[in-house]
Every structure is written in structure tokens, then in C-alpha cells.
Amino acid sequence: MNTYDYLETPLGRMLLVSSEKGLCGAHFVGQKYFPKLDPSWKREKSRASRELEEYFSGRRKKFDLPLAAEGTPFQRAVWREIAKVPFGETITYAELARRAGFPGSARAAGAATGRNPIGVIVPCHRIVGTNGSLTGYAGGLDRKKALLALEGLAPSPSRRRPLRAAAEPARPG
């Protein structure tokens, strides 16, 4: 059975949805792909609330929650790689596709990024266009800009930090 809770954040209200396995949704109310509440879900305080409050107040840079996002194998591979992008860093959609094991699939990685059900915690706001441009965000580009600013990244091209690749795990073969 799923549980849900709402959290007021500086960027708007969020719906948090959990299953027995972990957090399966963190959505800004009204964002693209916002889930419909199931009448069987029970309202219950979410552990994610505390970690998100700490993030928005500048006291947390990494989340320690068990995650249970549902998606296709390709989507889950992309979301796993998004989750590895460190606080204060960005990567491109092309780099994300490469890290997920699908080089040349930047558009598909972008589509999977847009369907990320665990916004902020799986930090899809850290994924940018090839030239560093802010392209797409299910929660809206204003929120993407605000999240990057919270992490010390200035989104405008004149003040943007150079894109840095996070440490990469060794790949077999």
C-alpha cells in the first residue's frame, strides 16, 4: 500500500508518495506528469519531508532515502545515473545517455529525464543541454533555475560554471 504526504517548499507544494520499498514519487503540485491520488493511499508523514527541508535550507547535499521509482528498464538506468550527479554539478543529456550505457541516445535520455518521478532527490535539474542551456523540466524552468541557484550554479551563460563531469565509475570492457 502506498502512503502520501504534502510538503511546503520555497518552490511550491510537493506531493511525496512512498511504498513499502521506498520513496516512489516527489512531485511539485501541478507539474507535468503529476500523479493522480489513489483513494487506497493513506496519508502519512514522509521521511523524505525532513531530508527535503534540510536540502532547501542548505543543510543537505545528498539524500539517504530508499528509492522505489517505477519505470522501464531504460528509464531506471537513466534515473540511476541522474542520482549519481553530485550537488553543484551538471552534466549534459548526451553525457547522461553515455553513462547510462546508451551513447548516442541523448533525446531518449532527455525523455526519460522528463518522466523522473522523484524530482529534486533524483536531481534531473542537474541535466542540461549540450551548450549548458536549461532545456525542459517537468516542474518548470523557473524551478530548475532556482534549484541550480540553490546549489551555487548560476544558470545564465555569462555566469555559468563550466560543466564538470562527476567522477566516473569504471566500466567493464
C-alpha atoms as a PDB file:
ATOM      1  CA  MET A   1       0.000   0.000   0.000  1.00  0.00           C
ATOM      2  CA  ASN A   2       1.254   3.475  -0.831  1.00  0.00           C
ATOM      3  CA  THR A   3       1.324   6.408   1.535  1.00  0.00           C
ATOM      4  CA  TYR A   4       1.460  10.073   0.639  1.00  0.00           C
ATOM      5  CA  ASP A   5       2.157  13.430   2.219  1.00  0.00           C
ATOM      6  CA  TYR A   6       2.444  17.028   1.149  1.00  0.00           C
ATOM      7  CA  LEU A   7       5.418  19.275   1.843  1.00  0.00           C
ATOM      8  CA  GLU A   8       5.505  23.064   1.534  1.00  0.00           C
ATOM      9  CA  THR A   9       8.800  24.136  -0.026  1.00  0.00           C
ATOM     10  CA  PRO A  10      10.207  27.513  -1.117  1.00  0.00           C
ATOM     11  CA  LEU A  11       9.424  26.440  -4.703  1.00  0.00           C
ATOM     12  CA  GLY A  12       5.878  25.279  -4.070  1.00  0.00           C
ATOM     13  CA  ARG A  13       3.978  22.407  -2.591  1.00  0.00           C
ATOM     14  CA  MET A  14       5.249  18.880  -3.237  1.00  0.00           C
ATOM     15  CA  LEU A  15       3.441  15.559  -3.153  1.00  0.00           C
ATOM     16  CA  LEU A  16       5.555  12.746  -1.705  1.00  0.00           C
ATOM     17  CA  VAL A  17       4.497   9.152  -2.382  1.00  0.00           C
ATOM     18  CA  SER A  18       6.058   6.081  -0.770  1.00  0.00           C
ATOM     19  CA  SER A  19       5.631   2.322  -0.963  1.00  0.00           C
ATOM     20  CA  GLU A  20       6.933  -0.386   1.349  1.00  0.00           C
ATOM     21  CA  LYS A  21      10.119  -0.369  -0.756  1.00  0.00           C
ATOM     22  CA  GLY A  22      10.835   3.358  -0.518  1.00  0.00           C
ATOM     23  CA  LEU A  23      10.048   6.751  -1.998  1.00  0.00           C
ATOM     24  CA  CYS A  24       8.392   6.367  -5.392  1.00  0.00           C
ATOM     25  CA  GLY A  25       7.317   9.948  -6.064  1.00  0.00           C
ATOM     26  CA  ALA A  26       8.307  13.541  -5.278  1.00  0.00           C
ATOM     27  CA  HIS A  27       6.312  15.914  -7.473  1.00  0.00           C
ATOM     28  CA  PHE A  28       5.652  19.639  -7.441  1.00  0.00           C
ATOM     29  CA  VAL A  29       1.900  20.141  -7.392  1.00  0.00           C
ATOM     30  CA  GLY A  30       0.747  20.929 -10.915  1.00  0.00           C
ATOM     31  CA  GLN A  31       3.902  19.791 -12.665  1.00  0.00           C
ATOM     32  CA  LYS A  32       3.863  17.780 -15.864  1.00  0.00           C
ATOM     33  CA  TYR A  33       3.113  14.085 -15.215  1.00  0.00           C
ATOM     34  CA  PHE A  34       1.598  14.812 -11.797  1.00  0.00           C
ATOM     35  CA  PRO A  35       0.131  11.553 -10.434  1.00  0.00           C
ATOM     36  CA  LYS A  36      -3.483  11.044  -9.513  1.00  0.00           C
ATOM     37  CA  LEU A  37      -4.018  10.208  -5.838  1.00  0.00           C
ATOM     38  CA  ASP A  38      -5.356   6.718  -5.398  1.00  0.00           C
ATOM     39  CA  PRO A  39      -8.187   6.504  -2.834  1.00  0.00           C
ATOM     40  CA  SER A  40      -6.453   3.485  -1.246  1.00  0.00           C
ATOM     41  CA  TRP A  41      -3.379   5.549  -0.345  1.00  0.00           C
ATOM     42  CA  LYS A  42      -3.017   6.553   3.289  1.00  0.00           C
ATOM     43  CA  ARG A  43      -1.767   9.982   4.343  1.00  0.00           C
ATOM     44  CA  GLU A  44       1.339   9.634   6.499  1.00  0.00           C
ATOM     45  CA  LYS A  45       4.353  11.813   7.312  1.00  0.00           C
ATOM     46  CA  SER A  46       7.176  11.017   4.907  1.00  0.00           C
ATOM     47  CA  ARG A  47      10.821  10.642   5.871  1.00  0.00           C
ATOM     48  CA  ALA A  48      11.531  12.482   2.639  1.00  0.00           C
ATOM     49  CA  SER A  49       9.974  15.627   4.143  1.00  0.00           C
ATOM     50  CA  ARG A  50      12.814  16.050   6.622  1.00  0.00           C
ATOM     51  CA  GLU A  51      15.536  15.486   4.043  1.00  0.00           C
ATOM     52  CA  LEU A  52      13.906  17.868   1.558  1.00  0.00           C
ATOM     53  CA  GLU A  53      13.510  20.555   4.241  1.00  0.00           C
ATOM     54  CA  GLU A  54      17.222  20.182   5.026  1.00  0.00           C
ATOM     55  CA  TYR A  55      18.068  20.429   1.300  1.00  0.00           C
ATOM     56  CA  PHE A  56      16.006  23.576   0.771  1.00  0.00           C
ATOM     57  CA  SER A  57      17.540  25.185   3.880  1.00  0.00           C
ATOM     58  CA  GLY A  58      21.075  24.462   2.605  1.00  0.00           C
ATOM     59  CA  ARG A  59      21.883  21.818   5.239  1.00  0.00           C
ATOM     60  CA  ARG A  60      21.795  18.735   2.964  1.00  0.00           C
ATOM     61  CA  LYS A  61      23.645  17.989  -0.261  1.00  0.00           C
ATOM     62  CA  LYS A  62      22.901  14.269  -0.593  1.00  0.00           C
ATOM     63  CA  PHE A  63      19.773  12.221   0.091  1.00  0.00           C
ATOM     64  CA  ASP A  64      19.820   8.951   2.015  1.00  0.00           C
ATOM     65  CA  LEU A  65      16.347   7.643   1.245  1.00  0.00           C
ATOM     66  CA  PRO A  66      15.484   4.247  -0.175  1.00  0.00           C
ATOM     67  CA  LEU A  67      14.042   4.882  -3.635  1.00  0.00           C
ATOM     68  CA  ALA A  68      11.468   2.783  -5.477  1.00  0.00           C
ATOM     69  CA  ALA A  69      10.723   4.572  -8.756  1.00  0.00           C
ATOM     70  CA  GLU A  70       8.708   2.584 -11.272  1.00  0.00           C
ATOM     71  CA  GLY A  71       9.625   2.809 -14.938  1.00  0.00           C
ATOM     72  CA  THR A  72      11.002   0.919 -17.889  1.00  0.00           C
ATOM     73  CA  PRO A  73      14.473  -0.621 -17.625  1.00  0.00           C
ATOM     74  CA  PHE A  74      15.807   2.221 -19.819  1.00  0.00           C
ATOM     75  CA  GLN A  75      14.189   4.891 -17.626  1.00  0.00           C
ATOM     76  CA  ARG A  76      15.508   3.289 -14.438  1.00  0.00           C
ATOM     77  CA  ALA A  77      19.041   3.140 -15.931  1.00  0.00           C
ATOM     78  CA  VAL A  78      18.840   6.862 -16.755  1.00  0.00           C
ATOM     79  CA  TRP A  79      17.440   7.741 -13.309  1.00  0.00           C
ATOM     80  CA  ARG A  80      20.218   5.752 -11.578  1.00  0.00           C
ATOM     81  CA  GLU A  81      22.802   7.830 -13.442  1.00  0.00           C
ATOM     82  CA  ILE A  82      20.980  11.087 -12.683  1.00  0.00           C
ATOM     83  CA  ALA A  83      21.096  10.178  -8.987  1.00  0.00           C
ATOM     84  CA  LYS A  84      24.920   9.981  -9.207  1.00  0.00           C
ATOM     85  CA  VAL A  85      25.367  13.596 -10.390  1.00  0.00           C
ATOM     86  CA  PRO A  86      26.734  15.414  -7.328  1.00  0.00           C
ATOM     87  CA  PHE A  87      25.305  18.521  -5.717  1.00  0.00           C
ATOM     88  CA  GLY A  88      26.511  21.646  -7.507  1.00  0.00           C
ATOM     89  CA  GLU A  89      27.465  19.889 -10.749  1.00  0.00           C
ATOM     90  CA  THR A  90      25.740  19.449 -14.089  1.00  0.00           C
ATOM     91  CA  ILE A  91      26.092  17.062 -16.995  1.00  0.00           C
ATOM     92  CA  THR A  92      24.585  17.086 -20.466  1.00  0.00           C
ATOM     93  CA  TYR A  93      21.858  14.801 -21.762  1.00  0.00           C
ATOM     94  CA  ALA A  94      24.435  13.255 -24.125  1.00  0.00           C
ATOM     95  CA  GLU A  95      26.755  12.502 -21.212  1.00  0.00           C
ATOM     96  CA  LEU A  96      23.818  11.106 -19.236  1.00  0.00           C
ATOM     97  CA  ALA A  97      22.948   8.739 -22.103  1.00  0.00           C
ATOM     98  CA  ARG A  98      26.578   7.610 -22.331  1.00  0.00           C
ATOM     99  CA  ARG A  99      26.783   6.954 -18.584  1.00  0.00           C
ATOM    100  CA  ALA A 100      23.518   5.011 -18.677  1.00  0.00           C
ATOM    101  CA  GLY A 101      25.032   2.740 -21.343  1.00  0.00           C
ATOM    102  CA  PHE A 102      23.221   4.221 -24.335  1.00  0.00           C
ATOM    103  CA  PRO A 103      25.679   6.518 -26.154  1.00  0.00           C
ATOM    104  CA  GLY A 104      24.014   8.474 -28.918  1.00  0.00           C
ATOM    105  CA  SER A 105      20.620   8.388 -27.204  1.00  0.00           C
ATOM    106  CA  ALA A 106      20.564  11.909 -25.751  1.00  0.00           C
ATOM    107  CA  ARG A 107      16.971  12.559 -26.850  1.00  0.00           C
ATOM    108  CA  ALA A 108      15.729   9.321 -25.317  1.00  0.00           C
ATOM    109  CA  ALA A 109      17.666  10.106 -22.127  1.00  0.00           C
ATOM    110  CA  GLY A 110      16.001  13.525 -22.144  1.00  0.00           C
ATOM    111  CA  ALA A 111      12.567  11.930 -22.440  1.00  0.00           C
ATOM    112  CA  ALA A 112      13.360   9.565 -19.554  1.00  0.00           C
ATOM    113  CA  THR A 113      14.658  12.506 -17.524  1.00  0.00           C
ATOM    114  CA  GLY A 114      11.354  14.309 -18.055  1.00  0.00           C
ATOM    115  CA  ARG A 115       9.493  11.285 -16.652  1.00  0.00           C
ATOM    116  CA  ASN A 116      11.632  11.132 -13.495  1.00  0.00           C
ATOM    117  CA  PRO A 117       9.069  10.599 -10.710  1.00  0.00           C
ATOM    118  CA  ILE A 118      11.387  11.613  -7.873  1.00  0.00           C
ATOM    119  CA  GLY A 119      12.206  15.238  -8.617  1.00  0.00           C
ATOM    120  CA  VAL A 120      14.861  17.094  -6.612  1.00  0.00           C
ATOM    121  CA  ILE A 121      16.001  13.882  -4.863  1.00  0.00           C
ATOM    122  CA  VAL A 122      16.874  12.281  -8.201  1.00  0.00           C
ATOM    123  CA  PRO A 123      18.275  15.609  -9.402  1.00  0.00           C
ATOM    124  CA  CYS A 124      17.152  15.882 -13.013  1.00  0.00           C
ATOM    125  CA  HIS A 125      17.547  19.663 -12.653  1.00  0.00           C
ATOM    126  CA  ARG A 126      21.308  18.990 -12.955  1.00  0.00           C
ATOM    127  CA  ILE A 127      20.957  17.773 -16.545  1.00  0.00           C
ATOM    128  CA  VAL A 128      21.478  20.475 -19.171  1.00  0.00           C
ATOM    129  CA  GLY A 129      21.725  20.895 -22.934  1.00  0.00           C
ATOM    130  CA  THR A 130      24.997  20.426 -24.801  1.00  0.00           C
ATOM    131  CA  ASN A 131      25.777  24.142 -24.655  1.00  0.00           C
ATOM    132  CA  GLY A 132      24.806  24.379 -20.970  1.00  0.00           C
ATOM    133  CA  SER A 133      21.320  25.652 -21.746  1.00  0.00           C
ATOM    134  CA  LEU A 134      18.433  24.853 -19.456  1.00  0.00           C
ATOM    135  CA  THR A 135      16.135  22.692 -21.507  1.00  0.00           C
ATOM    136  CA  GLY A 136      12.968  21.269 -20.067  1.00  0.00           C
ATOM    137  CA  TYR A 137      11.986  20.420 -16.527  1.00  0.00           C
ATOM    138  CA  ALA A 138       8.683  18.802 -15.579  1.00  0.00           C
ATOM    139  CA  GLY A 139       8.404  21.228 -12.651  1.00  0.00           C
ATOM    140  CA  GLY A 140       9.040  24.261 -14.889  1.00  0.00           C
ATOM    141  CA  LEU A 141      12.216  26.063 -15.947  1.00  0.00           C
ATOM    142  CA  ASP A 142      11.854  28.657 -13.166  1.00  0.00           C
ATOM    143  CA  ARG A 143      12.118  25.859 -10.611  1.00  0.00           C
ATOM    144  CA  LYS A 144      15.077  24.319 -12.455  1.00  0.00           C
ATOM    145  CA  LYS A 145      16.865  27.690 -12.334  1.00  0.00           C
ATOM    146  CA  ALA A 146      16.042  28.084  -8.640  1.00  0.00           C
ATOM    147  CA  LEU A 147      17.300  24.589  -7.789  1.00  0.00           C
ATOM    148  CA  LEU A 148      20.557  25.187  -9.641  1.00  0.00           C
ATOM    149  CA  ALA A 149      20.942  28.560  -7.905  1.00  0.00           C
ATOM    150  CA  LEU A 150      20.370  26.859  -4.536  1.00  0.00           C
ATOM    151  CA  GLU A 151      23.305  24.610  -5.418  1.00  0.00           C
ATOM    152  CA  GLY A 152      25.512  27.566  -6.332  1.00  0.00           C
ATOM    153  CA  LEU A 153      25.184  27.262 -10.097  1.00  0.00           C
ATOM    154  CA  ALA A 154      24.345  30.414 -11.996  1.00  0.00           C
ATOM    155  CA  PRO A 155      22.242  29.329 -14.968  1.00  0.00           C
ATOM    156  CA  SER A 156      22.929  32.320 -17.204  1.00  0.00           C
ATOM    157  CA  PRO A 157      25.622  31.648 -19.844  1.00  0.00           C
ATOM    158  CA  SER A 158      27.771  34.593 -18.724  1.00  0.00           C
ATOM    159  CA  ARG A 159      27.988  33.363 -15.115  1.00  0.00           C
ATOM    160  CA  ARG A 160      27.544  29.617 -15.541  1.00  0.00           C
ATOM    161  CA  ARG A 161      30.193  27.363 -14.049  1.00  0.00           C
ATOM    162  CA  PRO A 162      31.892  25.195 -16.642  1.00  0.00           C
ATOM    163  CA  LEU A 163      30.294  21.789 -16.931  1.00  0.00           C
ATOM    164  CA  ARG A 164      32.270  19.326 -14.869  1.00  0.00           C
ATOM    165  CA  ALA A 165      31.949  15.623 -15.111  1.00  0.00           C
ATOM    166  CA  ALA A 166      31.462  13.844 -11.819  1.00  0.00           C
ATOM    167  CA  ALA A 167      33.865  11.006 -11.047  1.00  0.00           C
ATOM    168  CA  GLU A 168      33.020   8.107 -13.314  1.00  0.00           C
ATOM    169  CA  PRO A 169      32.829   4.502 -12.234  1.00  0.00           C
ATOM    170  CA  ALA A 170      34.991   2.050 -14.139  1.00  0.00           C
ATOM    171  CA  ARG A 171      33.111   0.351 -16.963  1.00  0.00           C
ATOM    172  CA  PRO A 172      33.828  -3.221 -17.931  1.00  0.00           C
ATOM    173  CA  GLY A 173      35.161  -3.930 -21.400  1.00  0.00           C
END
